[in-house]
Structures are given as structure tokens and as C-alpha cells.
Amino acid sequence: MAAYQREISSERKACILFLLDQSFSMEEPLGNSDQRKCDQLAAAVNAWLHNMAIRASGDAGIRDWMDVGVIGYRTDQSANPVIEPTLTGPLAGQPLVSITEIGNHPARIDTTTQSFHDEETGETVEVPTDSPVWVDPVAEGSTPMCHVLHYAHSLLEPWIAQHPDSFPPIVIHISDGESQDGDPVPYADAIRALATSDGNVLLFNCHLSMTASDSIVFPATDEVLPDDLARVLFAMSSPLPEPFYQGAVAEGMSLSPGARGMVFNADMVVLINFLDMGTRAAVQLR
């Protein structure tokens, strides 16, 4: 049987692990925006968690078919690495929780305003919308990327031992800068070497940019990348498995064989698409 084909269910759960850069440079505005990167990232992850909880909902409640972790990383004022779960509220301090717990225990509900165009009146209508929040923005210190990858490995190894026949875990790493505690590639390689019977762990990397330049999405070679940072992220990233690749092509993306799960210079739109792309194939196998 080909890899990355295992159907996801309550008996064979999925695992999605987010690694979020919380360094001081996340205070900068995201490209094409006047909002801070850390605010946009928290909003995108909260929206993803909400959508996953909705997808898992049925007549019997929220089905327990996925474990989720959200890990932040930065350094403190003494330059010591701070690697910790970032879920707040009732789930605070837990590195991995089920989607059932996510859906049932948001930290709070924020009311936001959404605007849409009313075609009948020609006016812009503002509607209050309730948005669950699990993750708050943080921006301080530097970028201990090697430490967070090592921590991720320590979470995934026992999870795989407990779920040896599940769809492989997916790690989604989002950062705006380069590693400041050494070469992250060997640590990324160690994560990608972990495997269930359905394939190796998938590690996808997304670089957030403060420049309004074009994004580079799912490159197949590092020759198209602009600098050493981009090439390091490329080396860290998993090739897109066939279900992911075919799904992206079916949606009109122009990909080359060997495309990797990496985006460089992402803005908010690209970030949201990346989160969706990074998990859609697994979700659809449920």
C-alpha cells in the first residue's frame, strides 16, 4: 500500500503539531498589512482550530479523530530558550490535546466585526461574529529553532509509539527569521525520520515576511530561492506526498515534481492557504 493513504478515524487518529516563532521580530507588520505578524499568526491558528473543531462535529458531539499541539518558542531576558505549549485557558500547559478538547474548551470568545457587501442595497454591512480564542500573540527574545525542533521530536516519538498505524503526524513550523541556536537542518531531519506504518512525519515550513514581495510557494528546487535562510527552510521541508501534490494541482497550482512543503515570504492570504493545504489531504482522508 502506498504511503500517506491511511484513513483517519477515532481509532487511527491524526496528529497536527504547530511550532510558532514568538521572537521579538514578530512585532513587525506582516507583508501587505499594517498588523503585527504575531497578531496575524494567532488569528490564523485560532481560525484553523475553530474550523477543525467544526469539521469534527457530528450528531454525537465533536469526534476525537485528531490530536493537536501548539508550541511557541522564543528566549527570555537572559537569552534562555523558552519552549512551551501556547494554548491558554483550560488547556494551558498541555502540549497535545484532542480536537474534542479544543472544540469544547476555548479560552474565551471574542466578538469581532465582519464586513460584507450587500448586493441589493449596494451598502457595506457590518455583522458581529463570535470568534473562539485558544492562542494569544507573543513577541519577545530571539529564535531558538533547534530547541523547538528537538522538543517536537520528543513529543512525536511517544505519540507514534501509541499510534503506530495512523496517518503520519504533520508538523507546521512558522517563523519570520533564521535559527539563532545553531543549524536546524539535522533536527529537522530527525523529525522527518520518524514514521508510522503509513509514512514518515511531514515537516512543512512557512516564512512570514514584512515585505510586500511575491511569495515562493512549494518550490521543487532551492535554485529559485533568494537567500541562505530560504535554502535552509527548503532543506528542512518534506517533499509533498502524492495526495497533497495532486490536490494542489487539481486546484490549479503550478507545481513541479519534487515540490516541498515550504513557503517563503508569506503574507496573511498565503499563510491561511498554507495552513489549509498543510492539513487538507489528511483531513479529507477521515
Protein backbone atom coordinates (compact mmCIF):
# COMPACT_ATOMS: atom_id res chain seq x y z
CA MET A 1 0.00 0.00 0.00
CA ALA A 2 1.30 3.46 -0.89
CA ALA A 3 2.24 5.81 1.95
CA TYR A 4 0.02 8.62 3.20
CA GLN A 5 -3.19 6.77 2.35
CA ARG A 6 -4.35 5.70 5.82
CA GLU A 7 -7.90 6.71 6.62
CA ILE A 8 -8.14 8.90 9.69
CA SER A 9 -10.66 7.90 12.35
CA SER A 10 -11.15 7.81 16.10
CA GLU A 11 -9.22 4.52 16.13
CA ARG A 12 -6.40 5.85 13.93
CA LYS A 13 -6.06 9.49 14.85
CA ALA A 14 -4.17 12.23 13.08
CA CYS A 15 -1.65 14.49 14.81
CA ILE A 16 -1.00 18.11 13.81
CA LEU A 17 1.77 19.98 15.62
CA PHE A 18 2.26 23.73 15.18
CA LEU A 19 5.61 25.33 16.02
CA LEU A 20 5.19 29.12 16.29
CA ASP A 21 8.03 31.63 16.28
CA GLN A 22 7.40 34.09 19.13
CA SER A 23 10.60 36.13 18.78
CA PHE A 24 10.67 39.93 19.05
CA SER A 25 10.71 40.44 15.28
CA MET A 26 7.15 39.07 15.19
CA GLU A 27 6.21 42.60 16.34
CA GLU A 28 6.85 43.74 12.76
CA PRO A 29 3.94 44.13 10.33
CA LEU A 30 3.18 41.24 8.01
CA GLY A 31 3.63 41.94 4.31
CA ASN A 32 0.73 43.83 2.67
CA SER A 33 -0.67 44.62 6.13
CA ASP A 34 -0.40 47.08 8.99
CA GLN A 35 -0.99 44.35 11.59
CA ARG A 36 1.77 42.63 13.54
CA LYS A 37 2.95 39.21 12.39
CA CYS A 38 2.23 37.74 15.85
CA ASP A 39 -1.37 39.02 15.74
CA GLN A 40 -1.97 37.68 12.24
CA LEU A 41 -0.40 34.32 13.11
CA ALA A 42 -2.51 33.92 16.26
CA ALA A 43 -5.65 34.83 14.29
CA ALA A 44 -4.82 32.29 11.57
CA VAL A 45 -4.14 29.46 14.05
CA ASN A 46 -7.30 30.26 16.05
CA ALA A 47 -9.35 30.21 12.84
CA TRP A 48 -7.78 26.86 11.87
CA LEU A 49 -8.56 25.35 15.29
CA HIS A 50 -12.14 26.58 15.07
CA ASN A 51 -12.58 25.13 11.57
CA MET A 52 -11.13 21.76 12.60
CA ALA A 53 -13.48 21.58 15.59
CA ILE A 54 -16.43 22.32 13.30
CA ARG A 55 -15.31 19.64 10.82
CA ALA A 56 -15.08 17.13 13.66
CA SER A 57 -18.59 17.92 14.91
CA GLY A 58 -21.45 15.49 14.38
CA ASP A 59 -24.69 14.38 15.97
CA ALA A 60 -22.80 12.85 18.88
CA GLY A 61 -20.63 15.92 19.51
CA ILE A 62 -17.03 16.59 18.49
CA ARG A 63 -15.40 13.37 17.33
CA ASP A 64 -11.98 12.54 18.75
CA TRP A 65 -10.10 11.95 15.49
CA MET A 66 -7.15 14.31 15.81
CA ASP A 67 -4.58 15.41 18.40
CA VAL A 68 -3.29 18.97 18.11
CA GLY A 69 -0.31 20.72 19.65
CA VAL A 70 0.58 24.41 19.51
CA ILE A 71 4.11 25.09 20.73
CA GLY A 72 5.66 28.55 20.92
CA TYR A 73 9.37 29.29 21.03
CA ARG A 74 11.47 32.32 21.97
CA THR A 75 14.13 33.31 24.54
CA ASP A 76 13.74 35.12 27.85
CA GLN A 77 15.59 38.24 29.02
CA SER A 78 18.59 36.10 29.97
CA ALA A 79 18.68 34.54 26.46
CA ASN A 80 17.48 31.17 27.77
CA PRO A 81 15.24 29.21 25.35
CA VAL A 82 11.53 29.25 26.22
CA ILE A 83 9.77 26.32 24.55
CA GLU A 84 6.22 25.86 25.79
CA PRO A 85 2.63 24.99 24.87
CA THR A 86 0.77 28.16 23.88
CA LEU A 87 -2.84 27.10 24.36
CA THR A 88 -4.46 29.31 27.01
CA GLY A 89 -7.46 28.88 29.27
CA PRO A 90 -8.49 25.38 30.42
CA LEU A 91 -5.97 23.70 28.10
CA ALA A 92 -2.96 25.77 29.19
CA GLY A 93 0.26 23.83 29.66
CA GLN A 94 -0.81 20.81 27.62
CA PRO A 95 1.45 20.07 24.62
CA LEU A 96 -1.00 17.77 22.82
CA VAL A 97 -4.78 17.75 23.21
CA SER A 98 -7.61 16.14 21.26
CA ILE A 99 -9.71 18.15 18.83
CA THR A 100 -12.63 17.29 21.15
CA GLU A 101 -10.95 19.20 23.99
CA ILE A 102 -10.11 22.05 21.61
CA GLY A 103 -13.72 22.42 20.50
CA ASN A 104 -15.16 22.17 23.99
CA HIS A 105 -12.66 24.41 25.80
CA PRO A 106 -11.74 27.68 24.10
CA ALA A 107 -10.01 30.14 26.41
CA ARG A 108 -12.63 32.77 25.59
CA ILE A 109 -14.96 34.01 22.88
CA ASP A 110 -14.05 37.35 21.27
CA THR A 111 -16.64 39.30 19.32
CA THR A 112 -15.26 40.67 16.08
CA THR A 113 -16.89 42.56 13.23
CA GLN A 114 -17.02 41.20 9.70
CA SER A 115 -17.91 43.38 6.73
CA PHE A 116 -19.60 42.24 3.55
CA HIS A 117 -21.13 43.94 0.54
CA ASP A 118 -24.94 43.82 0.28
CA GLU A 119 -25.67 43.49 -3.45
CA GLU A 120 -29.30 44.57 -3.05
CA THR A 121 -28.60 47.85 -1.29
CA GLY A 122 -25.06 48.42 -2.50
CA GLU A 123 -24.02 49.14 1.07
CA THR A 124 -21.34 47.61 3.25
CA VAL A 125 -22.89 45.74 6.15
CA GLU A 126 -21.05 45.01 9.37
CA VAL A 127 -22.05 41.91 11.32
CA PRO A 128 -20.74 40.96 14.78
CA THR A 129 -19.16 37.50 14.81
CA ASP A 130 -18.14 35.34 17.78
CA SER A 131 -14.59 34.00 17.40
CA PRO A 132 -13.20 31.39 19.82
CA VAL A 133 -9.65 32.06 21.02
CA TRP A 134 -7.10 29.47 22.15
CA VAL A 135 -3.82 31.21 21.26
CA ASP A 136 -2.69 34.76 22.08
CA PRO A 137 0.11 36.67 20.32
CA VAL A 138 3.59 36.76 21.91
CA ALA A 139 6.72 38.55 20.61
CA GLU A 140 9.95 38.67 22.62
CA GLY A 141 13.51 37.43 22.55
CA SER A 142 15.24 35.53 19.75
CA THR A 143 14.66 32.38 17.68
CA PRO A 144 15.86 29.08 19.27
CA MET A 145 14.76 26.94 16.30
CA CYS A 146 16.93 23.93 17.12
CA HIS A 147 15.49 23.73 20.62
CA VAL A 148 11.88 23.74 19.40
CA LEU A 149 12.58 21.06 16.79
CA HIS A 150 14.23 18.91 19.45
CA TYR A 151 11.16 19.41 21.66
CA ALA A 152 8.85 18.47 18.78
CA HIS A 153 10.77 15.22 18.29
CA SER A 154 10.32 14.42 21.99
CA LEU A 155 6.53 14.87 21.63
CA LEU A 156 6.10 12.93 18.39
CA GLU A 157 8.20 9.86 19.23
CA PRO A 158 5.89 8.63 22.04
CA TRP A 159 2.77 9.66 20.09
CA ILE A 160 3.87 7.45 17.18
CA ALA A 161 4.60 4.59 19.58
CA GLN A 162 0.97 4.83 20.75
CA HIS A 163 -0.43 5.24 17.21
CA PRO A 164 1.90 3.15 15.01
CA ASP A 165 -0.62 2.62 12.21
CA SER A 166 -2.01 6.16 11.98
CA PHE A 167 -1.52 8.71 9.21
CA PRO A 168 1.90 10.23 9.99
CA PRO A 169 1.99 13.38 12.13
CA ILE A 170 2.22 16.73 10.32
CA VAL A 171 4.45 19.45 11.77
CA ILE A 172 3.75 23.02 10.63
CA HIS A 173 6.60 25.38 11.53
CA ILE A 174 6.02 29.11 11.07
CA SER A 175 8.82 31.63 11.54
CA ASP A 176 9.97 35.02 10.30
CA GLY A 177 13.70 34.54 10.75
CA GLU A 178 16.71 32.31 10.90
CA SER A 179 17.73 29.93 13.65
CA GLN A 180 19.79 31.60 16.35
CA ASP A 181 20.89 28.49 18.23
CA GLY A 182 22.66 26.52 15.51
CA ASP A 183 21.92 24.63 12.30
CA PRO A 184 18.29 23.41 12.42
CA VAL A 185 18.60 21.01 9.46
CA PRO A 186 19.84 17.95 11.45
CA TYR A 187 17.00 18.46 13.96
CA ALA A 188 14.50 18.70 11.10
CA ASP A 189 15.97 15.55 9.55
CA ALA A 190 15.47 13.70 12.84
CA ILE A 191 11.79 14.69 12.90
CA ARG A 192 11.30 13.64 9.27
CA ALA A 193 12.95 10.28 10.03
CA LEU A 194 10.17 9.41 12.49
CA ALA A 195 7.47 7.30 10.85
CA THR A 196 4.27 5.34 11.29
CA SER A 197 3.47 2.34 9.10
CA ASP A 198 1.86 4.82 6.67
CA GLY A 199 4.93 7.00 6.05
CA ASN A 200 7.37 9.45 7.56
CA VAL A 201 6.45 12.51 9.60
CA LEU A 202 5.80 15.53 7.39
CA LEU A 203 7.53 18.81 8.24
CA PHE A 204 6.25 21.92 6.47
CA ASN A 205 7.85 25.36 6.88
CA CYS A 206 6.35 28.81 6.36
CA HIS A 207 8.40 32.02 6.41
CA LEU A 208 6.48 35.20 7.27
CA SER A 209 7.68 38.35 5.53
CA MET A 210 7.31 42.04 6.37
CA THR A 211 7.98 42.91 2.73
CA ALA A 212 5.21 43.03 0.16
CA SER A 213 7.19 40.86 -2.24
CA ASP A 214 6.00 37.81 -4.15
CA SER A 215 5.77 34.58 -2.20
CA ILE A 216 7.58 31.45 -3.29
CA VAL A 217 5.18 28.56 -2.76
CA PHE A 218 6.10 24.85 -2.74
CA PRO A 219 9.37 25.07 -4.71
CA ALA A 220 10.92 21.91 -6.15
CA THR A 221 14.49 23.22 -6.03
CA ASP A 222 16.40 25.69 -3.88
CA GLU A 223 17.80 27.35 -7.01
CA VAL A 224 14.73 29.61 -7.20
CA LEU A 225 15.18 30.82 -3.61
CA PRO A 226 16.69 34.25 -2.86
CA ASP A 227 18.99 33.65 0.12
CA ASP A 228 20.53 31.23 2.60
CA LEU A 229 17.58 31.45 5.01
CA ALA A 230 15.21 30.30 2.31
CA ARG A 231 17.54 27.46 1.33
CA VAL A 232 17.74 26.27 4.95
CA LEU A 233 13.95 26.17 5.19
CA PHE A 234 13.85 24.25 1.91
CA ALA A 235 16.34 21.69 3.26
CA MET A 236 14.19 21.28 6.39
CA SER A 237 10.94 20.68 4.49
CA SER A 238 9.33 17.41 3.41
CA PRO A 239 8.51 16.72 -0.23
CA LEU A 240 4.76 16.93 -0.78
CA PRO A 241 3.24 13.42 -0.66
CA GLU A 242 1.25 12.39 -3.70
CA PRO A 243 -2.22 13.11 -2.17
CA PHE A 244 -1.12 16.64 -1.25
CA TYR A 245 0.56 17.19 -4.61
CA GLN A 246 -2.43 16.00 -6.64
CA GLY A 247 -4.82 18.04 -4.50
CA ALA A 248 -2.83 21.22 -5.11
CA VAL A 249 -2.59 20.58 -8.85
CA ALA A 250 -6.34 19.92 -9.01
CA GLU A 251 -6.89 23.36 -7.51
CA GLY A 252 -4.85 25.00 -10.23
CA MET A 253 -1.47 25.33 -8.54
CA SER A 254 1.50 25.04 -10.84
CA LEU A 255 3.84 22.59 -9.12
CA SER A 256 6.89 20.72 -10.30
CA PRO A 257 7.78 17.15 -9.31
CA GLY A 258 9.71 17.20 -6.06
CA ALA A 259 7.80 20.21 -4.70
CA ARG A 260 8.38 20.67 -0.98
CA GLY A 261 6.04 21.81 1.78
CA MET A 262 7.60 25.24 2.12
CA VAL A 263 6.52 28.84 1.56
CA PHE A 264 8.89 31.81 1.61
CA ASN A 265 7.76 35.44 2.06
CA ALA A 266 4.18 34.60 3.03
CA ASP A 267 1.53 37.22 3.69
CA MET A 268 -1.76 36.57 5.52
CA VAL A 269 -3.55 35.10 2.49
CA VAL A 270 -0.67 32.76 1.72
CA LEU A 271 -0.39 31.82 5.41
CA ILE A 272 -4.05 30.79 5.61
CA ASN A 273 -3.79 28.83 2.37
CA PHE A 274 -0.63 27.16 3.67
CA LEU A 275 -2.35 26.05 6.89
CA ASP A 276 -5.26 24.67 4.91
CA MET A 277 -3.01 22.96 2.35
CA GLY A 278 -0.81 21.53 5.09
CA THR A 279 -3.67 19.56 6.57
CA ARG A 280 -6.38 19.26 3.92
CA ALA A 281 -5.26 15.97 2.41
CA ALA A 282 -5.15 14.32 5.81
CA VAL A 283 -8.50 15.79 6.82
CA GLN A 284 -10.16 14.58 3.66
CA LEU A 285 -8.98 11.04 4.31
CA ARG A 286 -11.02 10.96 7.51
